[in-house]
Every structure is written in C-alpha cells, then in structure tokens.
C-alpha atoms as a PDB file:
ATOM      1  CA  UNK A   1     141.939  -5.931  89.991  1.00  0.00           C
ATOM      2  CA  UNK A   2     138.736  -4.951  87.670  1.00  0.00           C
ATOM      3  CA  UNK A   3     136.916  -7.212  89.139  1.00  0.00           C
ATOM      4  CA  UNK A   4     137.303  -6.038  92.828  1.00  0.00           C
ATOM      5  CA  UNK A   5     137.223  -2.522  90.915  1.00  0.00           C
ATOM      6  CA  UNK A   6     133.644  -4.204  90.452  1.00  0.00           C
ATOM      7  CA  UNK A   7     132.658  -5.761  93.290  1.00  0.00           C
ATOM      8  CA  UNK A   8     133.701  -2.155  95.285  1.00  0.00           C
ATOM      9  CA  UNK A   9     131.398   0.037  92.709  1.00  0.00           C
ATOM     10  CA  UNK A  10     128.065  -2.749  92.510  1.00  0.00           C
ATOM     11  CA  UNK A  11     127.749  -2.816  96.092  1.00  0.00           C
ATOM     12  CA  UNK A  12     127.359   1.220  96.597  1.00  0.00           C
ATOM     13  CA  UNK A  13     125.361   1.170  93.570  1.00  0.00           C
ATOM     14  CA  UNK A  14     122.808  -1.280  95.443  1.00  0.00           C
ATOM     15  CA  UNK A  15     122.845   0.035  98.868  1.00  0.00           C
ATOM     16  CA  UNK A  16     123.193   3.989  97.928  1.00  0.00           C
ATOM     17  CA  UNK A  17     120.303   3.529  95.160  1.00  0.00           C
ATOM     18  CA  UNK A  18     118.473   1.671  97.056  1.00  0.00           C
ATOM     19  CA  UNK A  19     118.583   4.120 100.054  1.00  0.00           C
ATOM     20  CA  UNK A  20     117.616   6.606  97.255  1.00  0.00           C
ATOM     21  CA  UNK A  21     114.949   4.650  95.559  1.00  0.00           C
ATOM     22  CA  UNK A  22     113.342   3.943  99.396  1.00  0.00           C
ATOM     23  CA  UNK A  23     113.179   7.284 100.924  1.00  0.00           C
ATOM     24  CA  UNK A  24     112.536   9.451  97.697  1.00  0.00           C
ATOM     25  CA  UNK A  25     109.908   7.235  95.617  1.00  0.00           C
ATOM     26  CA  UNK A  26     109.096   3.731  97.690  1.00  0.00           C
ATOM     27  CA  UNK A  27     108.112   4.993 101.179  1.00  0.00           C
ATOM     28  CA  UNK A  28     106.354   8.511  99.567  1.00  0.00           C
ATOM     29  CA  UNK A  29     104.526   6.756  97.087  1.00  0.00           C
ATOM     30  CA  UNK A  30     103.217   4.268  99.663  1.00  0.00           C
ATOM     31  CA  UNK A  31     102.010   6.664 102.090  1.00  0.00           C
ATOM     32  CA  UNK A  32     100.039   8.345  99.111  1.00  0.00           C
ATOM     33  CA  UNK A  33      98.755   6.019  97.335  1.00  0.00           C
ATOM     34  CA  UNK A  34      97.608   2.908 100.239  1.00  0.00           C
ATOM     35  CA  UNK A  35      93.800   3.533 101.736  1.00  0.00           C
ATOM     36  CA  UNK A  36      95.530   3.619 105.398  1.00  0.00           C
ATOM     37  CA  UNK A  37      98.494   4.554 106.732  1.00  0.00           C
ATOM     38  CA  UNK A  38      98.649   0.984 108.674  1.00  0.00           C
ATOM     39  CA  UNK A  39      99.445  -0.059 105.097  1.00  0.00           C
ATOM     40  CA  UNK A  40     101.745   1.806 104.159  1.00  0.00           C
ATOM     41  CA  UNK A  41     103.773   1.186 107.540  1.00  0.00           C
ATOM     42  CA  UNK A  42     103.765  -2.115 106.774  1.00  0.00           C
ATOM     43  CA  UNK A  43     104.779  -2.421 103.628  1.00  0.00           C
ATOM     44  CA  UNK A  44     107.586   0.445 103.920  1.00  0.00           C
ATOM     45  CA  UNK A  45     108.388  -1.826 107.406  1.00  0.00           C
ATOM     46  CA  UNK A  46     108.977  -4.553 105.174  1.00  0.00           C
ATOM     47  CA  UNK A  47     110.901  -2.564 102.923  1.00  0.00           C
ATOM     48  CA  UNK A  48     113.018  -1.214 104.609  1.00  0.00           C
ATOM     49  CA  UNK A  49     113.831  -4.517 106.117  1.00  0.00           C
ATOM     50  CA  UNK A  50     115.058  -6.053 102.823  1.00  0.00           C
ATOM     51  CA  UNK A  51     116.738  -2.736 102.420  1.00  0.00           C
ATOM     52  CA  UNK A  52     118.550  -2.856 105.451  1.00  0.00           C
ATOM     53  CA  UNK A  53     119.639  -6.781 104.168  1.00  0.00           C
ATOM     54  CA  UNK A  54     121.146  -5.842 100.736  1.00  0.00           C
ATOM     55  CA  UNK A  55     123.157  -2.895 102.331  1.00  0.00           C
ATOM     56  CA  UNK A  56     124.663  -5.318 105.502  1.00  0.00           C
ATOM     57  CA  UNK A  57     125.626  -7.635 102.637  1.00  0.00           C
ATOM     58  CA  UNK A  58     127.145  -4.910  99.903  1.00  0.00           C
ATOM     59  CA  UNK A  59     128.973  -3.305 102.821  1.00  0.00           C
ATOM     60  CA  UNK A  60     130.463  -6.436 104.162  1.00  0.00           C
ATOM     61  CA  UNK A  61     131.217  -7.195  99.625  1.00  0.00           C
ATOM     62  CA  UNK A  62     132.735  -3.044  99.765  1.00  0.00           C
ATOM     63  CA  UNK A  63     134.789  -3.763 102.297  1.00  0.00           C
ATOM     64  CA  UNK A  64     136.115  -7.052 101.668  1.00  0.00           C
ATOM     65  CA  UNK A  65     137.626  -6.384  98.276  1.00  0.00           C
ATOM     66  CA  UNK A  66     138.644  -2.855  98.612  1.00  0.00           C
ATOM     67  CA  UNK A  67     140.993  -4.268 100.648  1.00  0.00           C
ATOM     68  CA  UNK A  68     142.045  -7.124  98.867  1.00  0.00           C
ATOM     69  CA  UNK A  69     142.024  -3.805  95.786  1.00  0.00           C
ATOM     70  CA  UNK A  70     143.876  -1.927  98.218  1.00  0.00           C
ATOM     71  CA  UNK A  71     146.585  -4.307  99.621  1.00  0.00           C
ATOM     72  CA  UNK A  72     147.149  -5.639  95.503  1.00  0.00           C
ATOM     73  CA  UNK A  73     147.593  -2.178  94.446  1.00  0.00           C
ATOM     74  CA  UNK A  74     149.861  -0.425  97.273  1.00  0.00           C
ATOM     75  CA  UNK A  75     150.663  -2.920  99.832  1.00  0.00           C
ATOM     76  CA  UNK A  76     148.615  -2.793 102.260  1.00  0.00           C
ATOM     77  CA  UNK A  77     144.617  -3.065 102.855  1.00  0.00           C
ATOM     78  CA  UNK A  78     144.813   0.079 104.195  1.00  0.00           C
ATOM     79  CA  UNK A  79     142.131  -0.715 106.997  1.00  0.00           C
ATOM     80  CA  UNK A  80     141.584   2.802 108.621  1.00  0.00           C
ATOM     81  CA  UNK A  81     140.700   4.479 105.489  1.00  0.00           C
ATOM     82  CA  UNK A  82     137.998   6.659 105.725  1.00  0.00           C
ATOM     83  CA  UNK A  83     135.907   4.908 103.168  1.00  0.00           C
ATOM     84  CA  UNK A  84     136.300   2.073 105.139  1.00  0.00           C
ATOM     85  CA  UNK A  85     135.946   3.905 109.048  1.00  0.00           C
ATOM     86  CA  UNK A  86     132.875   5.429 106.581  1.00  0.00           C
ATOM     87  CA  UNK A  87     131.284   1.867 105.256  1.00  0.00           C
ATOM     88  CA  UNK A  88     131.782   0.878 109.089  1.00  0.00           C
ATOM     89  CA  UNK A  89     129.414   3.327 110.384  1.00  0.00           C
ATOM     90  CA  UNK A  90     127.190   3.181 107.465  1.00  0.00           C
ATOM     91  CA  UNK A  91     126.825  -0.630 108.878  1.00  0.00           C
ATOM     92  CA  UNK A  92     126.491   0.238 112.741  1.00  0.00           C
ATOM     93  CA  UNK A  93     123.829   1.733 112.021  1.00  0.00           C
ATOM     94  CA  UNK A  94     122.130  -0.031 109.351  1.00  0.00           C
ATOM     95  CA  UNK A  95     122.525  -2.818 112.414  1.00  0.00           C
ATOM     96  CA  UNK A  96     121.078  -0.706 114.512  1.00  0.00           C
ATOM     97  CA  UNK A  97     118.013   0.277 112.847  1.00  0.00           C
ATOM     98  CA  UNK A  98     117.366  -3.383 112.090  1.00  0.00           C
ATOM     99  CA  UNK A  99     118.291  -4.645 115.606  1.00  0.00           C
ATOM    100  CA  UNK A 100     117.503  -2.000 117.543  1.00  0.00           C
ATOM    101  CA  UNK A 101     114.684   0.781 116.113  1.00  0.00           C
ATOM    102  CA  UNK A 102     112.640  -1.617 113.758  1.00  0.00           C
ATOM    103  CA  UNK A 103     111.602  -3.927 116.248  1.00  0.00           C
ATOM    104  CA  UNK A 104     110.584  -2.143 118.514  1.00  0.00           C
ATOM    105  CA  UNK A 105     108.365  -0.312 116.287  1.00  0.00           C
ATOM    106  CA  UNK A 106     106.799  -2.944 114.601  1.00  0.00           C
ATOM    107  CA  UNK A 107     105.906  -4.300 118.440  1.00  0.00           C
ATOM    108  CA  UNK A 108     104.339  -1.021 119.231  1.00  0.00           C
ATOM    109  CA  UNK A 109     101.959  -0.893 115.947  1.00  0.00           C
ATOM    110  CA  UNK A 110     100.754  -4.281 116.459  1.00  0.00           C
ATOM    111  CA  UNK A 111     100.236  -3.168 119.673  1.00  0.00           C
ATOM    112  CA  UNK A 112      98.836   0.527 118.770  1.00  0.00           C
ATOM    113  CA  UNK A 113      97.051  -0.520 115.588  1.00  0.00           C
ATOM    114  CA  UNK A 114      96.459   2.209 113.474  1.00  0.00           C
ATOM    115  CA  UNK A 115      99.407   4.467 114.513  1.00  0.00           C
ATOM    116  CA  UNK A 116      97.501   8.086 113.539  1.00  0.00           C
ATOM    117  CA  UNK A 117      94.479   6.886 115.030  1.00  0.00           C
ATOM    118  CA  UNK A 118      96.087   6.927 118.406  1.00  0.00           C
ATOM    119  CA  UNK A 119      96.342  10.251 120.318  1.00  0.00           C
ATOM    120  CA  UNK A 120      99.423  11.679 120.001  1.00  0.00           C
ATOM    121  CA  UNK A 121     100.235  12.039 123.549  1.00  0.00           C
ATOM    122  CA  UNK A 122      99.377   8.116 123.942  1.00  0.00           C
ATOM    123  CA  UNK A 123     102.902   7.013 125.643  1.00  0.00           C
ATOM    124  CA  UNK A 124     102.918   4.703 123.434  1.00  0.00           C
ATOM    125  CA  UNK A 125     102.329   7.031 120.063  1.00  0.00           C
ATOM    126  CA  UNK A 126     104.974   8.558 121.866  1.00  0.00           C
ATOM    127  CA  UNK A 127     107.767   6.107 122.035  1.00  0.00           C
ATOM    128  CA  UNK A 128     106.591   5.303 118.497  1.00  0.00           C
ATOM    129  CA  UNK A 129     107.059   8.743 117.092  1.00  0.00           C
ATOM    130  CA  UNK A 130     110.162   9.026 118.262  1.00  0.00           C
ATOM    131  CA  UNK A 131     111.459   5.925 117.108  1.00  0.00           C
ATOM    132  CA  UNK A 132     110.405   6.951 114.103  1.00  0.00           C
ATOM    133  CA  UNK A 133     112.552  10.118 113.829  1.00  0.00           C
ATOM    134  CA  UNK A 134     115.244   7.790 114.408  1.00  0.00           C
ATOM    135  CA  UNK A 135     114.698   5.648 112.472  1.00  0.00           C
ATOM    136  CA  UNK A 136     114.366   8.304 109.535  1.00  0.00           C
ATOM    137  CA  UNK A 137     117.561  10.142 111.091  1.00  0.00           C
ATOM    138  CA  UNK A 138     119.827   7.258 110.327  1.00  0.00           C
ATOM    139  CA  UNK A 139     118.478   6.268 107.225  1.00  0.00           C
ATOM    140  CA  UNK A 140     119.697   9.818 106.497  1.00  0.00           C
ATOM    141  CA  UNK A 141     122.899   9.503 107.742  1.00  0.00           C
ATOM    142  CA  UNK A 142     123.600   5.974 106.331  1.00  0.00           C
ATOM    143  CA  UNK A 143     122.783   7.812 102.641  1.00  0.00           C
ATOM    144  CA  UNK A 144     124.959  10.780 103.544  1.00  0.00           C
ATOM    145  CA  UNK A 145     127.747   8.671 104.948  1.00  0.00           C
ATOM    146  CA  UNK A 146     127.719   6.687 101.641  1.00  0.00           C
ATOM    147  CA  UNK A 147     127.675   9.546  99.210  1.00  0.00           C
ATOM    148  CA  UNK A 148     131.027  10.122 101.304  1.00  0.00           C
ATOM    149  CA  UNK A 149     132.159   7.000 100.497  1.00  0.00           C
ATOM    150  CA  UNK A 150     131.229   6.760  96.820  1.00  0.00           C
ATOM    151  CA  UNK A 151     133.042   9.965  96.690  1.00  0.00           C
ATOM    152  CA  UNK A 152     136.291   8.907  98.337  1.00  0.00           C
ATOM    153  CA  UNK A 153     135.909   5.198  96.195  1.00  0.00           C
ATOM    154  CA  UNK A 154     135.824   7.527  92.831  1.00  0.00           C
ATOM    155  CA  UNK A 155     139.049   9.105  94.209  1.00  0.00           C
ATOM    156  CA  UNK A 156     140.423   5.454  94.531  1.00  0.00           C
ATOM    157  CA  UNK A 157     139.605   3.665  91.466  1.00  0.00           C
ATOM    158  CA  UNK A 158     140.014   6.462  89.225  1.00  0.00           C
ATOM    159  CA  UNK A 159     141.033   5.609  84.903  1.00  0.00           C
ATOM    160  CA  UNK A 160     144.126   3.924  85.602  1.00  0.00           C
END
C-alpha cells in the first residue's frame, strides 16, 4: 500500500509542481528574456502542451492508485470522494485547454504572426486575447483544484 500512496503523491507532485513552475517561472521568464513576444508565446505554448500531457497521465495514475488504495483500506473505491471529483474536473479542464483552447490560439497565432503588432481591435486579435484569458483562467482553476486535491490526499494518506 505504501507504493500506492507513493504513486498518488508522485502524480500530484509532478502535475501541481509543473503548474507552479510553468506559471511562476517558465512563462514570465520566457516573456522577459526572449527578444519577441511571438517567440516567447511559441515556447510557452509548446511547454504548456507538454505540461498538459504530464497532467493527463498524472491524473489517470492518481485516480487509479487512489481508488485502489481506498478499496484496499476502506473496502470501497470512493469513486465520488471529493479528491476524485476535483481531480476529474482538473482532467476535464486540462483536456478542454489542450484540445479546444490551445489549438485555436495556435491557429490564430499563425495567421496573425506577431500578435502584439496587430491592432487590438482586429477581430482575430480580439479572439486570440479572449482565448488567452480563458487559457489563463483554466490553468488557474486547475492549480487551485490541484491544491485542494493535495490537501484532501494528505488527510487521506496521513501517517498510519
């Protein structure tokens, strides 16, 4: 059972740690160091795609190991436990970002070129900016949900 707890915690550490690193280190650094916002956007976009895959895999590992752990310790997988519901919301938001928001942003970035040089009232620029706002909100929500899952998991797998 300690291996199951290890998998649960490792999956959360990878996903939540990646989100924190992305939001507070990688994205701000890319936009402050690279010569153009276009290059920074390309770097951040590719990194975000990889982070999403880390999150998807980590989420599946967490759900499987957490349900098996609950089944072995309590006799039931607790499918509707708050930590599992929150994690499913995290997965859903990550999938929406990866397969709906980011591809549309990439298409717009390609057609616009250097986004910052396009007038702010350009319809494609308006759409890109709106998608960027939604992308930021979604990632923030995933991080907040993830912190709640960490808290609930810490309660569940406390020292025995």
